[in-house]
Amino acid sequence: MSDRVGFDLLCHNHAFEFREVGGTTAFRRLAERTDEAVGFESDIGLATKAGRDPVSLLCEYGDRIPAVHVTDTFVDSPERDLVELGEGDVALARCVEAARDAGVEWFVFEHGQSTDQLGSL
């Protein structure tokens, strides 16, 4: 990440940034129209929810991803975006390995839909 202005600006993705519009996605447009001054905190669960492979995203944009938001989800469940880690459809071990290979510095955990926050942690 660039330190030209004294801080890092990271964009955290949600599932809707991966909807196809005009042959591309909002995420890809943002990545193509910005430089390394804009980085990403890739949410692997929400990328999976959108039907994207987070490992591919980490491989393609890894040099701009210093932080990974570690979440899990069921792809086909419209009721909940997040579930406990290891209970959903995210290939967590593959994602962590790809993130480490890409040089990701931070893994950020959040489960904002948990009914037992301490148990989730």
PDB file of N, CA and C in Angstrom:
ATOM      1  N   MET A   1       0.833  -1.187   0.000  1.00  0.00           N
ATOM      2  CA  MET A   1       0.000   0.000   0.000  1.00  0.00           C
ATOM      3  C   MET A   1       0.875   1.247   0.000  1.00  0.00           C
ATOM      4  N   SER A   2       0.382   2.269  -0.624  1.00  0.00           N
ATOM      5  CA  SER A   2       1.084   3.546  -0.692  1.00  0.00           C
ATOM      6  C   SER A   2       0.923   4.293   0.622  1.00  0.00           C
ATOM      7  N   ASP A   3       1.952   4.997   1.036  1.00  0.00           N
ATOM      8  CA  ASP A   3       1.840   5.810   2.246  1.00  0.00           C
ATOM      9  C   ASP A   3       1.999   7.290   1.908  1.00  0.00           C
ATOM     10  N   ARG A   4       1.647   7.665   0.695  1.00  0.00           N
ATOM     11  CA  ARG A   4       1.807   9.044   0.239  1.00  0.00           C
ATOM     12  C   ARG A   4       1.074  10.041   1.104  1.00  0.00           C
ATOM     13  N   VAL A   5      -0.076   9.709   1.620  1.00  0.00           N
ATOM     14  CA  VAL A   5      -0.866  10.651   2.401  1.00  0.00           C
ATOM     15  C   VAL A   5      -0.934  10.279   3.879  1.00  0.00           C
ATOM     16  N   GLY A   6      -0.188   9.286   4.291  1.00  0.00           N
ATOM     17  CA  GLY A   6      -0.113   8.949   5.696  1.00  0.00           C
ATOM     18  C   GLY A   6      -1.145   7.970   6.209  1.00  0.00           C
ATOM     19  N   PHE A   7      -1.974   7.436   5.355  1.00  0.00           N
ATOM     20  CA  PHE A   7      -2.920   6.412   5.779  1.00  0.00           C
ATOM     21  C   PHE A   7      -3.262   5.527   4.588  1.00  0.00           C
ATOM     22  N   ASP A   8      -3.810   4.367   4.886  1.00  0.00           N
ATOM     23  CA  ASP A   8      -4.235   3.437   3.840  1.00  0.00           C
ATOM     24  C   ASP A   8      -5.747   3.508   3.702  1.00  0.00           C
ATOM     25  N   LEU A   9      -6.217   3.535   2.489  1.00  0.00           N
ATOM     26  CA  LEU A   9      -7.642   3.517   2.203  1.00  0.00           C
ATOM     27  C   LEU A   9      -7.984   2.147   1.646  1.00  0.00           C
ATOM     28  N   LEU A  10      -8.839   1.414   2.370  1.00  0.00           N
ATOM     29  CA  LEU A  10      -9.243   0.077   1.944  1.00  0.00           C
ATOM     30  C   LEU A  10     -10.739   0.050   1.687  1.00  0.00           C
ATOM     31  N   CYS A  11     -11.121  -0.600   0.622  1.00  0.00           N
ATOM     32  CA  CYS A  11     -12.525  -0.792   0.290  1.00  0.00           C
ATOM     33  C   CYS A  11     -12.924  -2.212   0.693  1.00  0.00           C
ATOM     34  N   HIS A  12     -13.946  -2.315   1.525  1.00  0.00           N
ATOM     35  CA  HIS A  12     -14.470  -3.611   1.967  1.00  0.00           C
ATOM     36  C   HIS A  12     -15.616  -4.001   1.047  1.00  0.00           C
ATOM     37  N   ASN A  13     -15.512  -5.166   0.407  1.00  0.00           N
ATOM     38  CA  ASN A  13     -16.566  -5.591  -0.510  1.00  0.00           C
ATOM     39  C   ASN A  13     -17.748  -6.220   0.212  1.00  0.00           C
ATOM     40  N   HIS A  14     -18.884  -6.100  -0.439  1.00  0.00           N
ATOM     41  CA  HIS A  14     -20.091  -6.821  -0.076  1.00  0.00           C
ATOM     42  C   HIS A  14     -20.438  -7.693  -1.282  1.00  0.00           C
ATOM     43  N   ALA A  15     -21.515  -8.415  -1.219  1.00  0.00           N
ATOM     44  CA  ALA A  15     -21.879  -9.281  -2.348  1.00  0.00           C
ATOM     45  C   ALA A  15     -22.309  -8.465  -3.567  1.00  0.00           C
ATOM     46  N   PHE A  16     -22.992  -7.339  -3.356  1.00  0.00           N
ATOM     47  CA  PHE A  16     -23.551  -6.604  -4.489  1.00  0.00           C
ATOM     48  C   PHE A  16     -22.498  -5.991  -5.406  1.00  0.00           C
ATOM     49  N   GLU A  17     -21.277  -5.776  -4.947  1.00  0.00           N
ATOM     50  CA  GLU A  17     -20.229  -5.243  -5.828  1.00  0.00           C
ATOM     51  C   GLU A  17     -19.805  -6.233  -6.910  1.00  0.00           C
ATOM     52  N   PHE A  18     -20.246  -7.482  -6.789  1.00  0.00           N
ATOM     53  CA  PHE A  18     -19.883  -8.505  -7.765  1.00  0.00           C
ATOM     54  C   PHE A  18     -21.006  -8.825  -8.754  1.00  0.00           C
ATOM     55  N   ARG A  19     -22.095  -8.067  -8.716  1.00  0.00           N
ATOM     56  CA  ARG A  19     -23.154  -8.247  -9.717  1.00  0.00           C
ATOM     57  C   ARG A  19     -22.641  -7.795 -11.079  1.00  0.00           C
ATOM     58  N   GLU A  20     -22.975  -8.565 -12.093  1.00  0.00           N
ATOM     59  CA  GLU A  20     -22.579  -8.212 -13.464  1.00  0.00           C
ATOM     60  C   GLU A  20     -23.465  -7.081 -13.979  1.00  0.00           C
ATOM     61  N   VAL A  21     -22.836  -6.021 -14.438  1.00  0.00           N
ATOM     62  CA  VAL A  21     -23.534  -4.887 -15.049  1.00  0.00           C
ATOM     63  C   VAL A  21     -22.708  -4.453 -16.245  1.00  0.00           C
ATOM     64  N   GLY A  22     -23.277  -4.561 -17.414  1.00  0.00           N
ATOM     65  CA  GLY A  22     -22.563  -4.135 -18.608  1.00  0.00           C
ATOM     66  C   GLY A  22     -21.299  -4.934 -18.878  1.00  0.00           C
ATOM     67  N   GLY A  23     -21.333  -6.214 -18.557  1.00  0.00           N
ATOM     68  CA  GLY A  23     -20.199  -7.084 -18.847  1.00  0.00           C
ATOM     69  C   GLY A  23     -19.084  -7.066 -17.824  1.00  0.00           C
ATOM     70  N   THR A  24     -19.263  -6.339 -16.726  1.00  0.00           N
ATOM     71  CA  THR A  24     -18.244  -6.317 -15.683  1.00  0.00           C
ATOM     72  C   THR A  24     -18.921  -6.096 -14.332  1.00  0.00           C
ATOM     73  N   THR A  25     -18.147  -5.988 -13.284  1.00  0.00           N
ATOM     74  CA  THR A  25     -18.694  -5.770 -11.945  1.00  0.00           C
ATOM     75  C   THR A  25     -18.190  -4.436 -11.393  1.00  0.00           C
ATOM     76  N   ALA A  26     -18.894  -3.929 -10.396  1.00  0.00           N
ATOM     77  CA  ALA A  26     -18.456  -2.699  -9.738  1.00  0.00           C
ATOM     78  C   ALA A  26     -17.075  -2.900  -9.104  1.00  0.00           C
ATOM     79  N   PHE A  27     -16.843  -4.074  -8.548  1.00  0.00           N
ATOM     80  CA  PHE A  27     -15.547  -4.352  -7.939  1.00  0.00           C
ATOM     81  C   PHE A  27     -14.428  -4.244  -8.976  1.00  0.00           C
ATOM     82  N   ARG A  28     -14.610  -4.878 -10.115  1.00  0.00           N
ATOM     83  CA  ARG A  28     -13.584  -4.835 -11.158  1.00  0.00           C
ATOM     84  C   ARG A  28     -13.396  -3.412 -11.678  1.00  0.00           C
ATOM     85  N   ARG A  29     -14.485  -2.693 -11.855  1.00  0.00           N
ATOM     86  CA  ARG A  29     -14.366  -1.293 -12.302  1.00  0.00           C
ATOM     87  C   ARG A  29     -13.558  -0.469 -11.318  1.00  0.00           C
ATOM     88  N   LEU A  30     -13.842  -0.618 -10.038  1.00  0.00           N
ATOM     89  CA  LEU A  30     -13.089   0.123  -9.031  1.00  0.00           C
ATOM     90  C   LEU A  30     -11.612  -0.255  -9.076  1.00  0.00           C
ATOM     91  N   ALA A  31     -11.330  -1.543  -9.142  1.00  0.00           N
ATOM     92  CA  ALA A  31      -9.935  -2.001  -9.170  1.00  0.00           C
ATOM     93  C   ALA A  31      -9.203  -1.485 -10.405  1.00  0.00           C
ATOM     94  N   GLU A  32      -9.869  -1.479 -11.542  1.00  0.00           N
ATOM     95  CA  GLU A  32      -9.220  -1.041 -12.782  1.00  0.00           C
ATOM     96  C   GLU A  32      -9.051   0.469 -12.858  1.00  0.00           C
ATOM     97  N   ARG A  33      -9.902   1.210 -12.175  1.00  0.00           N
ATOM     98  CA  ARG A  33      -9.880   2.666 -12.288  1.00  0.00           C
ATOM     99  C   ARG A  33      -9.171   3.355 -11.130  1.00  0.00           C
ATOM    100  N   THR A  34      -8.556   2.574 -10.274  1.00  0.00           N
ATOM    101  CA  THR A  34      -7.756   3.132  -9.179  1.00  0.00           C
ATOM    102  C   THR A  34      -6.386   2.471  -9.199  1.00  0.00           C
ATOM    103  N   ASP A  35      -5.464   3.073  -8.476  1.00  0.00           N
ATOM    104  CA  ASP A  35      -4.128   2.479  -8.387  1.00  0.00           C
ATOM    105  C   ASP A  35      -3.904   1.952  -6.976  1.00  0.00           C
ATOM    106  N   GLU A  36      -2.657   1.683  -6.637  1.00  0.00           N
ATOM    107  CA  GLU A  36      -2.339   1.068  -5.348  1.00  0.00           C
ATOM    108  C   GLU A  36      -2.676   1.961  -4.162  1.00  0.00           C
ATOM    109  N   ALA A  37      -3.046   3.222  -4.385  1.00  0.00           N
ATOM    110  CA  ALA A  37      -3.470   4.086  -3.284  1.00  0.00           C
ATOM    111  C   ALA A  37      -4.798   3.616  -2.686  1.00  0.00           C
ATOM    112  N   VAL A  38      -5.549   2.836  -3.453  1.00  0.00           N
ATOM    113  CA  VAL A  38      -6.797   2.246  -2.968  1.00  0.00           C
ATOM    114  C   VAL A  38      -6.589   0.746  -2.873  1.00  0.00           C
ATOM    115  N   GLY A  39      -6.714   0.236  -1.663  1.00  0.00           N
ATOM    116  CA  GLY A  39      -6.572  -1.201  -1.448  1.00  0.00           C
ATOM    117  C   GLY A  39      -7.916  -1.813  -1.105  1.00  0.00           C
ATOM    118  N   PHE A  40      -7.882  -3.098  -0.791  1.00  0.00           N
ATOM    119  CA  PHE A  40      -9.116  -3.820  -0.516  1.00  0.00           C
ATOM    120  C   PHE A  40      -8.984  -4.642   0.761  1.00  0.00           C
ATOM    121  N   GLU A  41     -10.071  -4.671   1.517  1.00  0.00           N
ATOM    122  CA  GLU A  41     -10.226  -5.623   2.613  1.00  0.00           C
ATOM    123  C   GLU A  41     -11.251  -6.618   2.109  1.00  0.00           C
ATOM    124  N   SER A  42     -10.754  -7.658   1.483  1.00  0.00           N
ATOM    125  CA  SER A  42     -11.603  -8.623   0.814  1.00  0.00           C
ATOM    126  C   SER A  42     -12.386  -9.454   1.824  1.00  0.00           C
ATOM    127  N   ASP A  43     -13.715  -9.411   1.726  1.00  0.00           N
ATOM    128  CA  ASP A  43     -14.576 -10.236   2.576  1.00  0.00           C
ATOM    129  C   ASP A  43     -14.813 -11.547   1.835  1.00  0.00           C
ATOM    130  N   ILE A  44     -14.157 -12.600   2.290  1.00  0.00           N
ATOM    131  CA  ILE A  44     -14.205 -13.870   1.562  1.00  0.00           C
ATOM    132  C   ILE A  44     -15.591 -14.519   1.617  1.00  0.00           C
ATOM    133  N   GLY A  45     -16.319 -14.306   2.690  1.00  0.00           N
ATOM    134  CA  GLY A  45     -17.667 -14.858   2.789  1.00  0.00           C
ATOM    135  C   GLY A  45     -18.632 -14.183   1.842  1.00  0.00           C
ATOM    136  N   LEU A  46     -18.578 -12.853   1.789  1.00  0.00           N
ATOM    137  CA  LEU A  46     -19.498 -12.126   0.916  1.00  0.00           C
ATOM    138  C   LEU A  46     -19.118 -12.283  -0.553  1.00  0.00           C
ATOM    139  N   ALA A  47     -17.845 -12.450  -0.849  1.00  0.00           N
ATOM    140  CA  ALA A  47     -17.450 -12.760  -2.231  1.00  0.00           C
ATOM    141  C   ALA A  47     -18.020 -14.124  -2.629  1.00  0.00           C
ATOM    142  N   THR A  48     -17.928 -15.087  -1.723  1.00  0.00           N
ATOM    143  CA  THR A  48     -18.489 -16.415  -1.976  1.00  0.00           C
ATOM    144  C   THR A  48     -19.998 -16.321  -2.153  1.00  0.00           C
ATOM    145  N   LYS A  49     -20.658 -15.535  -1.293  1.00  0.00           N
ATOM    146  CA  LYS A  49     -22.109 -15.348  -1.381  1.00  0.00           C
ATOM    147  C   LYS A  49     -22.506 -14.845  -2.762  1.00  0.00           C
ATOM    148  N   ALA A  50     -21.638 -14.012  -3.353  1.00  0.00           N
ATOM    149  CA  ALA A  50     -21.907 -13.443  -4.675  1.00  0.00           C
ATOM    150  C   ALA A  50     -21.566 -14.401  -5.809  1.00  0.00           C
ATOM    151  N   GLY A  51     -21.083 -15.590  -5.463  1.00  0.00           N
ATOM    152  CA  GLY A  51     -20.739 -16.566  -6.495  1.00  0.00           C
ATOM    153  C   GLY A  51     -19.327 -16.420  -7.026  1.00  0.00           C
ATOM    154  N   ARG A  52     -18.504 -15.641  -6.362  1.00  0.00           N
ATOM    155  CA  ARG A  52     -17.114 -15.452  -6.778  1.00  0.00           C
ATOM    156  C   ARG A  52     -16.207 -16.377  -5.970  1.00  0.00           C
ATOM    157  N   ASP A  53     -15.076 -16.700  -6.546  1.00  0.00           N
ATOM    158  CA  ASP A  53     -14.086 -17.518  -5.866  1.00  0.00           C
ATOM    159  C   ASP A  53     -13.104 -16.581  -5.163  1.00  0.00           C
ATOM    160  N   PRO A  54     -13.142 -16.520  -3.826  1.00  0.00           N
ATOM    161  CA  PRO A  54     -12.250 -15.597  -3.129  1.00  0.00           C
ATOM    162  C   PRO A  54     -10.773 -15.928  -3.324  1.00  0.00           C
ATOM    163  N   VAL A  55     -10.436 -17.178  -3.575  1.00  0.00           N
ATOM    164  CA  VAL A  55      -9.038 -17.539  -3.833  1.00  0.00           C
ATOM    165  C   VAL A  55      -8.570 -16.859  -5.123  1.00  0.00           C
ATOM    166  N   SER A  56      -9.404 -16.870  -6.153  1.00  0.00           N
ATOM    167  CA  SER A  56      -9.058 -16.187  -7.403  1.00  0.00           C
ATOM    168  C   SER A  56      -8.892 -14.695  -7.194  1.00  0.00           C
ATOM    169  N   LEU A  57      -9.764 -14.102  -6.380  1.00  0.00           N
ATOM    170  CA  LEU A  57      -9.641 -12.672  -6.082  1.00  0.00           C
ATOM    171  C   LEU A  57      -8.334 -12.377  -5.362  1.00  0.00           C
ATOM    172  N   LEU A  58      -7.977 -13.234  -4.419  1.00  0.00           N
ATOM    173  CA  LEU A  58      -6.724 -13.049  -3.683  1.00  0.00           C
ATOM    174  C   LEU A  58      -5.522 -13.191  -4.600  1.00  0.00           C
ATOM    175  N   CYS A  59      -5.583 -14.115  -5.535  1.00  0.00           N
ATOM    176  CA  CYS A  59      -4.487 -14.286  -6.491  1.00  0.00           C
ATOM    177  C   CYS A  59      -4.387 -13.089  -7.437  1.00  0.00           C
ATOM    178  N   GLU A  60      -5.530 -12.601  -7.909  1.00  0.00           N
ATOM    179  CA  GLU A  60      -5.525 -11.505  -8.879  1.00  0.00           C
ATOM    180  C   GLU A  60      -5.195 -10.150  -8.257  1.00  0.00           C
ATOM    181  N   TYR A  61      -5.734  -9.892  -7.070  1.00  0.00           N
ATOM    182  CA  TYR A  61      -5.586  -8.569  -6.458  1.00  0.00           C
ATOM    183  C   TYR A  61      -4.767  -8.588  -5.167  1.00  0.00           C
ATOM    184  N   GLY A  62      -4.079  -9.678  -4.899  1.00  0.00           N
ATOM    185  CA  GLY A  62      -3.366  -9.850  -3.641  1.00  0.00           C
ATOM    186  C   GLY A  62      -2.419  -8.723  -3.285  1.00  0.00           C
ATOM    187  N   ASP A  63      -1.800  -8.098  -4.277  1.00  0.00           N
ATOM    188  CA  ASP A  63      -0.875  -7.006  -3.990  1.00  0.00           C
ATOM    189  C   ASP A  63      -1.596  -5.762  -3.475  1.00  0.00           C
ATOM    190  N   ARG A  64      -2.930  -5.748  -3.571  1.00  0.00           N
ATOM    191  CA  ARG A  64      -3.730  -4.619  -3.078  1.00  0.00           C
ATOM    192  C   ARG A  64      -4.626  -5.021  -1.912  1.00  0.00           C
ATOM    193  N   ILE A  65      -4.395  -6.208  -1.357  1.00  0.00           N
ATOM    194  CA  ILE A  65      -5.232  -6.701  -0.259  1.00  0.00           C
ATOM    195  C   ILE A  65      -4.353  -6.931   0.979  1.00  0.00           C
ATOM    196  N   PRO A  66      -4.220  -5.929   1.844  1.00  0.00           N
ATOM    197  CA  PRO A  66      -3.440  -6.133   3.063  1.00  0.00           C
ATOM    198  C   PRO A  66      -4.258  -6.761   4.193  1.00  0.00           C
ATOM    199  N   ALA A  67      -5.590  -6.788   4.029  1.00  0.00           N
ATOM    200  CA  ALA A  67      -6.461  -7.324   5.075  1.00  0.00           C
ATOM    201  C   ALA A  67      -7.561  -8.171   4.443  1.00  0.00           C
ATOM    202  N   VAL A  68      -7.858  -9.280   5.085  1.00  0.00           N
ATOM    203  CA  VAL A  68      -8.941 -10.159   4.650  1.00  0.00           C
ATOM    204  C   VAL A  68      -9.974 -10.237   5.762  1.00  0.00           C
ATOM    205  N   HIS A  69     -11.208 -10.023   5.382  1.00  0.00           N
ATOM    206  CA  HIS A  69     -12.333 -10.132   6.304  1.00  0.00           C
ATOM    207  C   HIS A  69     -12.785 -11.584   6.274  1.00  0.00           C
ATOM    208  N   VAL A  70     -12.580 -12.305   7.352  1.00  0.00           N
ATOM    209  CA  VAL A  70     -12.862 -13.739   7.405  1.00  0.00           C
ATOM    210  C   VAL A  70     -14.292 -13.958   7.892  1.00  0.00           C
ATOM    211  N   THR A  71     -15.146 -14.345   6.948  1.00  0.00           N
ATOM    212  CA  THR A  71     -16.533 -14.667   7.259  1.00  0.00           C
ATOM    213  C   THR A  71     -16.908 -15.941   6.513  1.00  0.00           C
ATOM    214  N   ASP A  72     -18.005 -16.553   6.944  1.00  0.00           N
ATOM    215  CA  ASP A  72     -18.503 -17.762   6.291  1.00  0.00           C
ATOM    216  C   ASP A  72     -19.975 -17.554   5.971  1.00  0.00           C
ATOM    217  N   THR A  73     -20.470 -18.271   4.977  1.00  0.00           N
ATOM    218  CA  THR A  73     -21.838 -18.085   4.525  1.00  0.00           C
ATOM    219  C   THR A  73     -22.347 -19.346   3.841  1.00  0.00           C
ATOM    220  N   PHE A  74     -23.659 -19.414   3.710  1.00  0.00           N
ATOM    221  CA  PHE A  74     -24.295 -20.402   2.838  1.00  0.00           C
ATOM    222  C   PHE A  74     -24.657 -19.677   1.552  1.00  0.00           C
ATOM    223  N   VAL A  75     -24.160 -20.154   0.434  1.00  0.00           N
ATOM    224  CA  VAL A  75     -24.386 -19.482  -0.847  1.00  0.00           C
ATOM    225  C   VAL A  75     -25.874 -19.406  -1.181  1.00  0.00           C
ATOM    226  N   ASP A  76     -26.616 -20.459  -0.939  1.00  0.00           N
ATOM    227  CA  ASP A  76     -28.016 -20.534  -1.362  1.00  0.00           C
ATOM    228  C   ASP A  76     -29.024 -20.136  -0.294  1.00  0.00           C
ATOM    229  N   SER A  77     -28.582 -19.480   0.773  1.00  0.00           N
ATOM    230  CA  SER A  77     -29.504 -19.089   1.835  1.00  0.00           C
ATOM    231  C   SER A  77     -29.784 -17.588   1.773  1.00  0.00           C
ATOM    232  N   PRO A  78     -30.998 -17.200   1.372  1.00  0.00           N
ATOM    233  CA  PRO A  78     -31.309 -15.773   1.322  1.00  0.00           C
ATOM    234  C   PRO A  78     -31.563 -15.160   2.696  1.00  0.00           C
ATOM    235  N   GLU A  79     -31.795 -15.999   3.714  1.00  0.00           N
ATOM    236  CA  GLU A  79     -32.136 -15.485   5.038  1.00  0.00           C
ATOM    237  C   GLU A  79     -30.949 -14.883   5.774  1.00  0.00           C
ATOM    238  N   ARG A  80     -29.780 -15.500   5.651  1.00  0.00           N
ATOM    239  CA  ARG A  80     -28.625 -15.043   6.431  1.00  0.00           C
ATOM    240  C   ARG A  80     -27.407 -14.938   5.527  1.00  0.00           C
ATOM    241  N   ASP A  81     -26.688 -13.849   5.698  1.00  0.00           N
ATOM    242  CA  ASP A  81     -25.445 -13.681   4.955  1.00  0.00           C
ATOM    243  C   ASP A  81     -24.279 -14.365   5.645  1.00  0.00           C
ATOM    244  N   LEU A  82     -24.318 -14.439   6.981  1.00  0.00           N
ATOM    245  CA  LEU A  82     -23.177 -14.965   7.726  1.00  0.00           C
ATOM    246  C   LEU A  82     -23.578 -16.124   8.622  1.00  0.00           C
ATOM    247  N   VAL A  83     -22.676 -17.098   8.738  1.00  0.00           N
ATOM    248  CA  VAL A  83     -22.840 -18.216   9.664  1.00  0.00           C
ATOM    249  C   VAL A  83     -21.521 -18.396  10.397  1.00  0.00           C
ATOM    250  N   GLU A  84     -21.510 -19.278  11.367  1.00  0.00           N
ATOM    251  CA  GLU A  84     -20.276 -19.533  12.123  1.00  0.00           C
ATOM    252  C   GLU A  84     -19.183 -20.048  11.183  1.00  0.00           C
ATOM    253  N   LEU A  85     -17.947 -19.651  11.455  1.00  0.00           N
ATOM    254  CA  LEU A  85     -16.824 -20.120  10.643  1.00  0.00           C
ATOM    255  C   LEU A  85     -16.789 -21.643  10.632  1.00  0.00           C
ATOM    256  N   GLY A  86     -16.629 -22.203   9.437  1.00  0.00           N
ATOM    257  CA  GLY A  86     -16.558 -23.649   9.285  1.00  0.00           C
ATOM    258  C   GLY A  86     -17.892 -24.311   9.046  1.00  0.00           C
ATOM    259  N   GLU A  87     -18.998 -23.566   9.196  1.00  0.00           N
ATOM    260  CA  GLU A  87     -20.322 -24.148   8.994  1.00  0.00           C
ATOM    261  C   GLU A  87     -20.898 -23.856   7.615  1.00  0.00           C
ATOM    262  N   GLY A  88     -20.271 -22.964   6.864  1.00  0.00           N
ATOM    263  CA  GLY A  88     -20.822 -22.542   5.585  1.00  0.00           C
ATOM    264  C   GLY A  88     -20.094 -23.129   4.394  1.00  0.00           C
ATOM    265  N   ASP A  89     -20.206 -22.433   3.281  1.00  0.00           N
ATOM    266  CA  ASP A  89     -19.676 -22.904   2.003  1.00  0.00           C
ATOM    267  C   ASP A  89     -18.307 -22.340   1.642  1.00  0.00           C
ATOM    268  N   VAL A  90     -17.742 -21.488   2.473  1.00  0.00           N
ATOM    269  CA  VAL A  90     -16.447 -20.871   2.167  1.00  0.00           C
ATOM    270  C   VAL A  90     -15.325 -21.883   2.400  1.00  0.00           C
ATOM    271  N   ALA A  91     -14.430 -21.981   1.446  1.00  0.00           N
ATOM    272  CA  ALA A  91     -13.251 -22.853   1.562  1.00  0.00           C
ATOM    273  C   ALA A  91     -12.202 -22.107   2.401  1.00  0.00           C
ATOM    274  N   LEU A  92     -12.426 -22.089   3.705  1.00  0.00           N
ATOM    275  CA  LEU A  92     -11.617 -21.264   4.600  1.00  0.00           C
ATOM    276  C   LEU A  92     -10.127 -21.581   4.530  1.00  0.00           C
ATOM    277  N   ALA A  93      -9.751 -22.836   4.575  1.00  0.00           N
ATOM    278  CA  ALA A  93      -8.328 -23.203   4.562  1.00  0.00           C
ATOM    279  C   ALA A  93      -7.665 -22.748   3.264  1.00  0.00           C
ATOM    280  N   ARG A  94      -8.336 -22.946   2.133  1.00  0.00           N
ATOM    281  CA  ARG A  94      -7.785 -22.493   0.840  1.00  0.00           C
ATOM    282  C   ARG A  94      -7.645 -20.979   0.807  1.00  0.00           C
ATOM    283  N   CYS A  95      -8.627 -20.275   1.367  1.00  0.00           N
ATOM    284  CA  CYS A  95      -8.585 -18.813   1.384  1.00  0.00           C
ATOM    285  C   CYS A  95      -7.445 -18.305   2.253  1.00  0.00           C
ATOM    286  N   VAL A  96      -7.281 -18.884   3.423  1.00  0.00           N
ATOM    287  CA  VAL A  96      -6.190 -18.471   4.313  1.00  0.00           C
ATOM    288  C   VAL A  96      -4.840 -18.734   3.651  1.00  0.00           C
ATOM    289  N   GLU A  97      -4.693 -19.892   3.028  1.00  0.00           N
ATOM    290  CA  GLU A  97      -3.445 -20.207   2.339  1.00  0.00           C
ATOM    291  C   GLU A  97      -3.174 -19.206   1.211  1.00  0.00           C
ATOM    292  N   ALA A  98      -4.190 -18.903   0.403  1.00  0.00           N
ATOM    293  CA  ALA A  98      -4.027 -17.945  -0.690  1.00  0.00           C
ATOM    294  C   ALA A  98      -3.707 -16.550  -0.150  1.00  0.00           C
ATOM    295  N   ALA A  99      -4.336 -16.169   0.948  1.00  0.00           N
ATOM    296  CA  ALA A  99      -4.072 -14.859   1.556  1.00  0.00           C
ATOM    297  C   ALA A  99      -2.633 -14.784   2.064  1.00  0.00           C
ATOM    298  N   ARG A 100      -2.184 -15.822   2.711  1.00  0.00           N
ATOM    299  CA  ARG A 100      -0.785 -15.837   3.188  1.00  0.00           C
ATOM    300  C   ARG A 100       0.180 -15.776   2.013  1.00  0.00           C
ATOM    301  N   ASP A 101      -0.110 -16.527   0.952  1.00  0.00           N
ATOM    302  CA  ASP A 101       0.738 -16.502  -0.244  1.00  0.00           C
ATOM    303  C   ASP A 101       0.777 -15.110  -0.862  1.00  0.00           C
ATOM    304  N   ALA A 102      -0.333 -14.371  -0.758  1.00  0.00           N
ATOM    305  CA  ALA A 102      -0.421 -13.029  -1.329  1.00  0.00           C
ATOM    306  C   ALA A 102       0.212 -11.975  -0.426  1.00  0.00           C
ATOM    307  N   GLY A 103       0.603 -12.373   0.781  1.00  0.00           N
ATOM    308  CA  GLY A 103       1.228 -11.420   1.693  1.00  0.00           C
ATOM    309  C   GLY A 103       0.257 -10.619   2.537  1.00  0.00           C
ATOM    310  N   VAL A 104      -0.967 -11.108   2.685  1.00  0.00           N
ATOM    311  CA  VAL A 104      -1.955 -10.419   3.517  1.00  0.00           C
ATOM    312  C   VAL A 104      -1.416 -10.280   4.938  1.00  0.00           C
ATOM    313  N   GLU A 105      -1.543  -9.076   5.490  1.00  0.00           N
ATOM    314  CA  GLU A 105      -1.010  -8.784   6.821  1.00  0.00           C
ATOM    315  C   GLU A 105      -2.011  -9.021   7.941  1.00  0.00           C
ATOM    316  N   TRP A 106      -3.303  -8.816   7.661  1.00  0.00           N
ATOM    317  CA  TRP A 106      -4.326  -8.877   8.703  1.00  0.00           C
ATOM    318  C   TRP A 106      -5.468  -9.803   8.297  1.00  0.00           C
ATOM    319  N   PHE A 107      -5.924 -10.585   9.258  1.00  0.00           N
ATOM    320  CA  PHE A 107      -7.149 -11.371   9.120  1.00  0.00           C
ATOM    321  C   PHE A 107      -8.129 -10.797  10.139  1.00  0.00           C
ATOM    322  N   VAL A 108      -9.258 -10.292   9.657  1.00  0.00           N
ATOM    323  CA  VAL A 108     -10.236  -9.623  10.506  1.00  0.00           C
ATOM    324  C   VAL A 108     -11.463 -10.517  10.613  1.00  0.00           C
ATOM    325  N   PHE A 109     -11.856 -10.830  11.848  1.00  0.00           N
ATOM    326  CA  PHE A 109     -13.027 -11.679  12.075  1.00  0.00           C
ATOM    327  C   PHE A 109     -14.204 -10.826  12.521  1.00  0.00           C
ATOM    328  N   GLU A 110     -15.358 -11.097  11.929  1.00  0.00           N
ATOM    329  CA  GLU A 110     -16.603 -10.458  12.347  1.00  0.00           C
ATOM    330  C   GLU A 110     -17.735 -11.425  12.066  1.00  0.00           C
ATOM    331  N   HIS A 111     -18.673 -11.471  12.987  1.00  0.00           N
ATOM    332  CA  HIS A 111     -19.893 -12.237  12.749  1.00  0.00           C
ATOM    333  C   HIS A 111     -21.034 -11.425  13.335  1.00  0.00           C
ATOM    334  N   GLY A 112     -21.445 -10.424  12.611  1.00  0.00           N
ATOM    335  CA  GLY A 112     -22.459  -9.497  13.085  1.00  0.00           C
ATOM    336  C   GLY A 112     -23.852 -10.075  13.198  1.00  0.00           C
ATOM    337  N   GLN A 113     -24.075 -11.286  12.732  1.00  0.00           N
ATOM    338  CA  GLN A 113     -25.390 -11.901  12.821  1.00  0.00           C
ATOM    339  C   GLN A 113     -25.443 -13.020  13.875  1.00  0.00           C
ATOM    340  N   SER A 114     -24.383 -13.144  14.654  1.00  0.00           N
ATOM    341  CA  SER A 114     -24.347 -14.194  15.671  1.00  0.00           C
ATOM    342  C   SER A 114     -25.267 -13.832  16.830  1.00  0.00           C
ATOM    343  N   THR A 115     -25.864 -14.839  17.421  1.00  0.00           N
ATOM    344  CA  THR A 115     -26.659 -14.624  18.651  1.00  0.00           C
ATOM    345  C   THR A 115     -25.795 -14.911  19.879  1.00  0.00           C
ATOM    346  N   ASP A 116     -24.575 -15.380  19.667  1.00  0.00           N
ATOM    347  CA  ASP A 116     -23.636 -15.671  20.756  1.00  0.00           C
ATOM    348  C   ASP A 116     -22.252 -15.167  20.346  1.00  0.00           C
ATOM    349  N   GLN A 117     -22.033 -13.856  20.485  1.00  0.00           N
ATOM    350  CA  GLN A 117     -20.808 -13.248  20.021  1.00  0.00           C
ATOM    351  C   GLN A 117     -19.568 -13.853  20.682  1.00  0.00           C
ATOM    352  N   LEU A 118     -19.596 -14.072  21.973  1.00  0.00           N
ATOM    353  CA  LEU A 118     -18.451 -14.655  22.656  1.00  0.00           C
ATOM    354  C   LEU A 118     -18.197 -16.070  22.170  1.00  0.00           C
ATOM    355  N   GLY A 119     -19.241 -16.854  21.959  1.00  0.00           N
ATOM    356  CA  GLY A 119     -19.100 -18.201  21.434  1.00  0.00           C
ATOM    357  C   GLY A 119     -18.532 -18.195  20.018  1.00  0.00           C
ATOM    358  N   SER A 120     -18.930 -17.234  19.210  1.00  0.00           N
ATOM    359  CA  SER A 120     -18.393 -17.109  17.849  1.00  0.00           C
ATOM    360  C   SER A 120     -16.920 -16.828  17.872  1.00  0.00           C
ATOM    361  N   LEU A 121     -16.530 -15.956  18.777  1.00  0.00           N
ATOM    362  CA  LEU A 121     -15.112 -15.600  18.876  1.00  0.00           C
ATOM    363  C   LEU A 121     -14.281 -16.787  19.296  1.00  0.00           C
TER     364      LEU A 121
END
